[in-house]
Amino acid sequence: MKWRKYTINTTTEAEDMISLMLSENGVEGVQIEDKVPLSDSDTKGMFIDILPDIGEDDGTARLSFFLHLYEDGDAALEHSADPAGADLSYTIADRLWKEEEIEELLNTVRAELDEMRTYMNIGEGSIEIGTTEDTDWRNSWKQYFKPIRTGGFLIKPSWEEIPEETAEEFAEGALKIIEIDPGTAFGTGSHETTRLCLGAVEKYVSHGDTVLDIGTGSGILAIAAISCGAKMAAATELDEMCEPSIRDNAGYNGITDSQFALIMGNIIGDDNVRDSVREKSPEGYDVVIANILAPVIVMLASAGVTDVFCKKGGIFITSGIIDTKLQEVISAFEANPAWEILEVNTLGEWAGVTAKRV
């Protein structure tokens, strides 16, 4: 499969107009690179701990798009025609572009860029042509996602087989298999924070427990808890884009609706979400998990936020804590008499804090 990358050098002022123009001309999916800092509204709900240093905003922007090139014999281009003989357009996402169609597109784009110059600053307005690669852009990333062994869990994508070296352990029940397809959600088992939480889940979740997973991401920790014997896991998630991945992953692992409840929304301050969480286990949860980021965990550790959902004697497992924020998290737990810190574990630059509800 051949794809070609085109990049328009422009300005932040013009990036929205150019994106719209490209969309109207059949281009789906534009990658925008600029140095505009994220505002408070941009980061709301994103739980970003440390923002990258992108340098000073100089007003420039780069808009890139990829075109899937047609090759002789490529049947995907042979789309249907209606009975009257009119050509029916194929889905843009699967469109194959012939060289003459690309040339026509680029001529149109250049003409429209010239027209935009008359009423706005588009900067250079030049178009760079990137290298052509024989790459299946939709599936090539899968080669980097292989089964991962962490503690008593083997995390594997659905398209991979159980490695031979672990098959015997699995057959003997000494290894729990969790199938996870990442989709748009965070949590594949490879990140240090997920591994810290998986270790704590394996240690603290017992048969018959009820579990609350706050900010579930891919659903991996709730699924792990159920595989350890939890009778029910409720999970909250802010990002609506994660919902299909979460439900798919639960299905891959044979988890039923009675075992798993997904609640979309913010458990911090959203009364409807908090009521739903409480309804799933009115007597409280045996284990609460939050693999998010340090500023959020500080809020979750505060009085009246998470402690009200955890049974006395219950366990609160947290990670997503960069080492520079660890003391801040510890202080938040220590400031709330409802929590007693049981252990602090580190892996690389990341930490996990496990506390008990007293």
Protein backbone atom coordinates (compact mmCIF):
# COMPACT_ATOMS: atom_id res chain seq x y z
CA MET A 1 0.00 0.00 0.00
CA LYS A 2 1.43 3.37 -0.97
CA TRP A 3 0.66 6.63 0.72
CA ARG A 4 1.98 10.09 -0.03
CA LYS A 5 2.25 12.90 2.47
CA TYR A 6 1.55 16.53 1.57
CA THR A 7 2.28 19.39 3.96
CA ILE A 8 1.08 22.99 3.62
CA ASN A 9 3.24 25.61 5.36
CA THR A 10 0.88 28.29 6.60
CA THR A 11 -0.18 30.31 9.67
CA THR A 12 -2.30 29.58 12.72
CA GLU A 13 -4.69 32.26 11.47
CA ALA A 14 -5.39 30.27 8.31
CA GLU A 15 -5.28 26.68 9.59
CA ASP A 16 -9.04 26.33 10.14
CA MET A 17 -9.93 27.75 6.73
CA ILE A 18 -7.38 25.55 4.97
CA SER A 19 -8.57 22.45 6.86
CA LEU A 20 -12.14 23.18 5.76
CA MET A 21 -11.02 23.75 2.16
CA LEU A 22 -9.16 20.42 2.10
CA SER A 23 -12.18 18.61 3.53
CA GLU A 24 -14.43 20.13 0.87
CA ASN A 25 -12.04 18.80 -1.78
CA GLY A 26 -12.16 15.21 -0.59
CA VAL A 27 -9.28 15.10 1.89
CA GLU A 28 -10.20 13.38 5.13
CA GLY A 29 -8.01 13.83 8.17
CA VAL A 30 -5.63 16.77 8.53
CA GLN A 31 -2.69 16.74 10.94
CA ILE A 32 -2.05 20.21 12.39
CA GLU A 33 1.25 21.23 13.95
CA ASP A 34 1.59 24.63 15.59
CA LYS A 35 3.00 26.22 18.74
CA VAL A 36 -0.20 27.63 20.17
CA PRO A 37 -0.25 26.90 23.92
CA LEU A 38 -3.20 24.95 25.27
CA SER A 39 -5.75 27.05 27.15
CA ASP A 40 -7.57 26.02 30.33
CA SER A 41 -10.62 25.06 28.25
CA ASP A 42 -8.42 22.96 25.94
CA THR A 43 -6.98 20.97 28.83
CA LYS A 44 -10.23 20.64 30.77
CA GLY A 45 -10.82 16.94 31.36
CA MET A 46 -7.50 15.96 29.72
CA PHE A 47 -5.65 15.54 33.04
CA ILE A 48 -2.32 16.61 31.54
CA ASP A 49 0.41 16.52 34.18
CA ILE A 50 3.40 17.96 32.32
CA LEU A 51 3.00 19.87 29.06
CA PRO A 52 5.76 19.51 26.45
CA ASP A 53 7.99 22.48 25.72
CA ILE A 54 6.94 23.47 22.20
CA GLY A 55 8.75 26.79 22.12
CA GLU A 56 7.36 30.26 21.62
CA ASP A 57 4.33 30.62 19.36
CA ASP A 58 5.61 32.19 16.14
CA GLY A 59 2.28 32.12 14.30
CA THR A 60 3.31 29.39 11.88
CA ALA A 61 1.49 26.13 11.28
CA ARG A 62 1.96 22.98 9.22
CA LEU A 63 -1.05 21.09 7.87
CA SER A 64 -0.34 17.57 6.62
CA PHE A 65 -2.57 15.06 4.85
CA PHE A 66 -2.01 11.60 3.42
CA LEU A 67 -3.34 10.25 0.12
CA HIS A 68 -3.64 6.54 -0.57
CA LEU A 69 -2.23 5.96 -4.05
CA TYR A 70 -3.95 3.80 -6.65
CA GLU A 71 -1.93 0.96 -8.10
CA ASP A 72 -2.85 -1.11 -11.16
CA GLY A 73 -5.12 -3.98 -10.25
CA ASP A 74 -6.27 -2.38 -7.03
CA ALA A 75 -9.86 -3.58 -6.81
CA ALA A 76 -10.75 -1.08 -4.09
CA LEU A 77 -11.10 1.57 -6.80
CA GLU A 78 -13.73 -0.40 -8.67
CA HIS A 79 -16.76 1.10 -6.98
CA SER A 80 -20.34 0.63 -8.03
CA ALA A 81 -22.40 2.61 -10.46
CA ASP A 82 -26.10 3.20 -10.16
CA PRO A 83 -28.53 1.76 -12.77
CA ALA A 84 -28.49 5.04 -14.70
CA GLY A 85 -24.72 4.77 -15.07
CA ALA A 86 -23.85 7.60 -12.69
CA ASP A 87 -20.68 7.08 -10.73
CA LEU A 88 -21.25 6.58 -6.98
CA SER A 89 -18.50 8.02 -4.83
CA TYR A 90 -16.63 5.65 -2.57
CA THR A 91 -15.95 6.38 1.05
CA ILE A 92 -13.33 9.08 1.43
CA ALA A 93 -11.60 7.06 4.18
CA ASP A 94 -10.95 4.24 1.69
CA ARG A 95 -10.43 6.37 -1.38
CA LEU A 96 -7.58 5.54 -3.73
CA TRP A 97 -6.13 8.47 -5.65
CA LYS A 98 -4.82 8.23 -9.21
CA GLU A 99 -1.91 10.49 -10.15
CA GLU A 100 -4.10 12.65 -12.37
CA GLU A 101 -6.62 13.07 -9.53
CA ILE A 102 -3.85 14.12 -7.17
CA GLU A 103 -2.57 16.66 -9.70
CA GLU A 104 -6.08 18.05 -10.10
CA LEU A 105 -6.46 18.25 -6.29
CA LEU A 106 -3.14 20.06 -5.86
CA ASN A 107 -3.99 22.55 -8.63
CA THR A 108 -7.28 23.27 -6.88
CA VAL A 109 -5.58 23.64 -3.50
CA ARG A 110 -2.97 26.03 -4.91
CA ALA A 111 -5.67 28.13 -6.58
CA GLU A 112 -7.72 28.33 -3.40
CA LEU A 113 -4.63 29.21 -1.35
CA ASP A 114 -3.94 32.08 -3.77
CA GLU A 115 -7.51 33.29 -3.32
CA MET A 116 -7.15 33.15 0.48
CA ARG A 117 -4.10 35.42 0.26
CA THR A 118 -6.41 38.25 -0.79
CA TYR A 119 -8.24 38.34 2.54
CA MET A 120 -6.02 36.66 5.16
CA ASN A 121 -2.40 35.95 6.03
CA ILE A 122 -1.65 32.41 4.94
CA GLY A 123 2.12 32.71 5.28
CA GLU A 124 4.22 30.77 2.78
CA GLY A 125 1.31 28.76 1.45
CA SER A 126 3.83 26.31 -0.02
CA ILE A 127 3.16 22.59 -0.40
CA GLU A 128 5.80 20.00 0.48
CA ILE A 129 5.59 16.49 -0.94
CA GLY A 130 6.79 13.83 1.47
CA THR A 131 8.28 10.46 0.74
CA THR A 132 6.10 7.63 -0.56
CA GLU A 133 6.12 4.57 1.66
CA ASP A 134 4.73 1.09 1.17
CA THR A 135 2.85 1.17 4.44
CA ASP A 136 -0.54 0.05 5.68
CA TRP A 137 -1.08 3.12 7.86
CA ARG A 138 -4.19 1.65 9.50
CA ASN A 139 -2.52 -1.54 10.69
CA SER A 140 1.25 -1.05 10.69
CA TRP A 141 1.19 0.09 14.35
CA LYS A 142 0.08 -3.41 15.35
CA GLN A 143 3.60 -4.76 14.82
CA TYR A 144 4.69 -2.76 17.89
CA PHE A 145 1.97 -4.11 20.19
CA LYS A 146 2.97 -7.60 21.33
CA PRO A 147 1.96 -9.71 24.36
CA ILE A 148 3.36 -8.25 27.58
CA ARG A 149 4.02 -10.27 30.74
CA THR A 150 3.56 -8.34 33.98
CA GLY A 151 3.29 -10.30 37.21
CA GLY A 152 0.64 -12.98 36.88
CA PHE A 153 -0.94 -11.29 33.85
CA LEU A 154 -0.27 -11.66 30.16
CA ILE A 155 -1.67 -8.65 28.30
CA LYS A 156 -2.13 -9.40 24.63
CA PRO A 157 -3.89 -7.86 21.64
CA SER A 158 -6.71 -9.92 20.12
CA TRP A 159 -4.76 -10.55 16.89
CA GLU A 160 -1.79 -12.18 18.70
CA GLU A 161 -1.51 -15.78 19.88
CA ILE A 162 -0.46 -16.82 23.39
CA PRO A 163 3.34 -17.14 23.28
CA GLU A 164 4.57 -20.74 23.47
CA GLU A 165 6.73 -19.99 26.51
CA THR A 166 3.64 -19.01 28.55
CA ALA A 167 1.17 -21.60 27.25
CA GLU A 168 1.94 -24.12 30.01
CA GLU A 169 1.49 -21.54 32.79
CA PHE A 170 -1.83 -20.52 31.25
CA ALA A 171 -2.99 -24.13 31.02
CA GLU A 172 -2.12 -24.66 34.69
CA GLY A 173 -4.04 -21.53 35.72
CA ALA A 174 -0.89 -19.72 36.88
CA LEU A 175 -1.25 -16.98 34.27
CA LYS A 176 -4.25 -14.78 33.57
CA ILE A 177 -4.75 -13.69 29.96
CA ILE A 178 -6.20 -10.21 29.33
CA GLU A 179 -7.01 -9.30 25.75
CA ILE A 180 -6.73 -5.57 25.09
CA ASP A 181 -7.00 -3.67 21.85
CA PRO A 182 -5.90 -0.10 22.52
CA GLY A 183 -8.15 1.75 20.06
CA THR A 184 -8.24 5.37 21.20
CA ALA A 185 -7.92 4.56 24.89
CA PHE A 186 -4.91 4.61 27.22
CA GLY A 187 -3.92 1.36 28.89
CA THR A 188 -2.17 -1.47 27.07
CA GLY A 189 -0.14 -2.80 29.97
CA SER A 190 3.15 -1.44 28.67
CA HIS A 191 3.27 1.82 30.62
CA GLU A 192 4.90 1.83 34.06
CA THR A 193 1.78 3.26 35.72
CA THR A 194 -0.45 0.49 34.37
CA ARG A 195 2.07 -2.13 35.49
CA LEU A 196 2.21 -0.62 38.99
CA CYS A 197 -1.58 -0.80 39.22
CA LEU A 198 -1.72 -4.34 37.85
CA GLY A 199 0.70 -5.46 40.56
CA ALA A 200 -1.49 -3.90 43.24
CA VAL A 201 -4.67 -5.36 41.72
CA GLU A 202 -3.10 -8.82 41.81
CA LYS A 203 -2.09 -8.30 45.44
CA TYR A 204 -5.24 -6.74 46.89
CA VAL A 205 -8.28 -7.88 44.87
CA SER A 206 -9.95 -10.96 46.34
CA HIS A 207 -12.69 -13.29 45.20
CA GLY A 208 -16.14 -11.68 45.54
CA ASP A 209 -14.85 -8.09 45.81
CA THR A 210 -16.56 -5.09 44.28
CA VAL A 211 -14.20 -2.74 42.43
CA LEU A 212 -14.43 0.87 41.25
CA ASP A 213 -12.03 1.91 38.47
CA ILE A 214 -11.89 5.70 38.08
CA GLY A 215 -10.74 6.88 34.65
CA THR A 216 -10.73 3.38 33.22
CA GLY A 217 -9.14 4.23 29.82
CA SER A 218 -9.08 0.93 27.93
CA GLY A 219 -10.77 -0.91 30.82
CA ILE A 220 -7.65 -2.98 31.50
CA LEU A 221 -7.61 -2.57 35.29
CA ALA A 222 -11.30 -3.32 35.75
CA ILE A 223 -10.87 -6.39 33.53
CA ALA A 224 -7.81 -7.45 35.53
CA ALA A 225 -9.78 -7.11 38.77
CA ILE A 226 -12.55 -9.34 37.44
CA SER A 227 -9.98 -11.90 36.31
CA CYS A 228 -8.68 -11.90 39.90
CA GLY A 229 -12.12 -12.85 41.21
CA ALA A 230 -13.97 -9.55 41.66
CA LYS A 231 -17.68 -10.18 41.27
CA MET A 232 -18.36 -6.74 39.83
CA ALA A 233 -16.41 -3.74 38.57
CA ALA A 234 -17.87 -0.30 37.95
CA ALA A 235 -15.74 2.00 35.79
CA THR A 236 -15.94 5.71 35.08
CA GLU A 237 -14.48 7.49 32.06
CA LEU A 238 -14.53 11.10 30.88
CA ASP A 239 -13.50 10.59 27.26
CA GLU A 240 -16.43 9.50 25.12
CA MET A 241 -14.00 8.37 22.41
CA CYS A 242 -12.87 5.58 24.74
CA GLU A 243 -16.30 4.03 25.16
CA PRO A 244 -16.24 1.69 22.10
CA SER A 245 -12.76 0.40 23.04
CA ILE A 246 -13.80 -0.21 26.64
CA ARG A 247 -16.89 -2.18 25.64
CA ASP A 248 -14.97 -4.14 22.99
CA ASN A 249 -12.25 -5.06 25.49
CA ALA A 250 -14.80 -6.26 28.03
CA GLY A 251 -16.31 -8.43 25.29
CA TYR A 252 -12.95 -9.88 24.25
CA ASN A 253 -12.52 -11.11 27.83
CA GLY A 254 -15.98 -12.66 28.11
CA ILE A 255 -17.15 -10.15 30.72
CA THR A 256 -20.92 -9.87 31.09
CA ASP A 257 -23.08 -6.82 31.79
CA SER A 258 -23.71 -8.09 35.31
CA GLN A 259 -19.96 -8.05 35.98
CA PHE A 260 -19.08 -4.70 34.44
CA ALA A 261 -20.79 -1.30 34.51
CA LEU A 262 -19.42 1.62 32.50
CA ILE A 263 -20.38 5.11 33.69
CA MET A 264 -19.43 7.97 31.40
CA GLY A 265 -18.61 11.24 33.13
CA ASN A 266 -16.57 12.86 35.88
CA ILE A 267 -16.78 11.38 39.36
CA ILE A 268 -15.33 14.62 40.76
CA GLY A 269 -18.20 17.06 41.16
CA ASP A 270 -20.77 15.42 38.85
CA ASP A 271 -23.64 14.36 41.13
CA ASN A 272 -25.26 12.17 38.46
CA VAL A 273 -22.06 10.18 38.01
CA ARG A 274 -21.56 9.90 41.76
CA ASP A 275 -25.13 8.70 42.23
CA SER A 276 -24.65 6.07 39.51
CA VAL A 277 -21.41 4.88 41.09
CA ARG A 278 -23.13 4.63 44.48
CA GLU A 279 -26.10 2.71 43.03
CA LYS A 280 -23.83 -0.01 41.64
CA SER A 281 -22.54 -0.84 45.14
CA PRO A 282 -24.58 0.98 47.81
CA GLU A 283 -22.57 -0.55 50.65
CA GLY A 284 -19.31 0.73 49.15
CA TYR A 285 -16.48 -0.83 47.17
CA ASP A 286 -13.81 -3.19 48.45
CA VAL A 287 -11.20 -1.79 46.08
CA VAL A 288 -10.99 1.56 44.28
CA ILE A 289 -8.44 2.12 41.49
CA ALA A 290 -7.33 5.36 39.87
CA ASN A 291 -4.54 5.34 37.28
CA ILE A 292 -4.81 8.96 36.18
CA LEU A 293 -2.34 11.73 36.99
CA ALA A 294 -1.06 13.30 40.16
CA PRO A 295 -3.23 16.49 40.28
CA VAL A 296 -6.36 14.38 39.90
CA ILE A 297 -5.27 11.86 42.52
CA VAL A 298 -4.70 14.76 44.93
CA MET A 299 -8.36 15.70 44.43
CA LEU A 300 -9.51 12.08 44.71
CA ALA A 301 -7.64 11.65 48.01
CA SER A 302 -9.40 14.67 49.55
CA ALA A 303 -12.12 14.21 52.15
CA GLY A 304 -15.56 13.38 50.75
CA VAL A 305 -14.43 12.57 47.20
CA THR A 306 -13.35 8.92 46.93
CA ASP A 307 -13.35 7.86 50.57
CA VAL A 308 -17.16 7.90 50.62
CA PHE A 309 -17.22 5.11 48.00
CA CYS A 310 -14.69 2.85 49.73
CA LYS A 311 -15.69 0.44 52.49
CA LYS A 312 -13.89 0.71 55.80
CA GLY A 313 -10.89 -1.54 55.47
CA GLY A 314 -11.11 -1.16 51.70
CA ILE A 315 -8.15 -0.41 49.44
CA PHE A 316 -7.42 2.58 47.20
CA ILE A 317 -4.85 1.84 44.46
CA THR A 318 -3.42 4.83 42.60
CA SER A 319 -0.76 5.52 39.99
CA GLY A 320 -0.03 7.91 37.15
CA ILE A 321 2.19 9.87 39.56
CA ILE A 322 5.39 11.32 38.09
CA ASP A 323 8.16 11.23 40.68
CA THR A 324 8.29 15.03 41.01
CA LYS A 325 4.65 14.99 42.17
CA LEU A 326 4.89 12.02 44.54
CA GLN A 327 5.27 14.02 47.76
CA GLU A 328 2.26 16.14 46.81
CA VAL A 329 0.14 12.99 46.49
CA ILE A 330 1.45 11.53 49.75
CA SER A 331 0.64 14.79 51.54
CA ALA A 332 -2.92 14.70 50.16
CA PHE A 333 -3.46 11.19 51.55
CA GLU A 334 -1.92 12.16 54.90
CA ALA A 335 -4.17 15.23 55.13
CA ASN A 336 -7.29 13.04 55.01
CA PRO A 337 -7.73 10.95 58.20
CA ALA A 338 -9.87 8.49 56.23
CA TRP A 339 -6.74 7.10 54.54
CA GLU A 340 -3.73 5.18 55.81
CA ILE A 341 -0.92 4.75 53.29
CA LEU A 342 0.06 1.09 53.03
CA GLU A 343 2.82 1.25 50.44
CA VAL A 344 4.53 3.41 47.85
CA ASN A 345 6.07 1.71 44.83
CA THR A 346 8.10 3.15 41.97
CA LEU A 347 8.93 2.05 38.45
CA GLY A 348 11.15 4.30 36.39
CA GLU A 349 10.01 7.88 36.87
CA TRP A 350 6.53 6.83 37.98
CA ALA A 351 5.05 5.94 41.36
CA GLY A 352 2.03 4.20 42.79
CA VAL A 353 0.47 4.84 46.18
CA THR A 354 -1.82 2.29 47.85
CA ALA A 355 -3.90 3.35 50.84
CA LYS A 356 -6.41 1.73 53.21
CA ARG A 357 -9.75 3.21 54.26
CA VAL A 358 -9.71 3.45 58.07
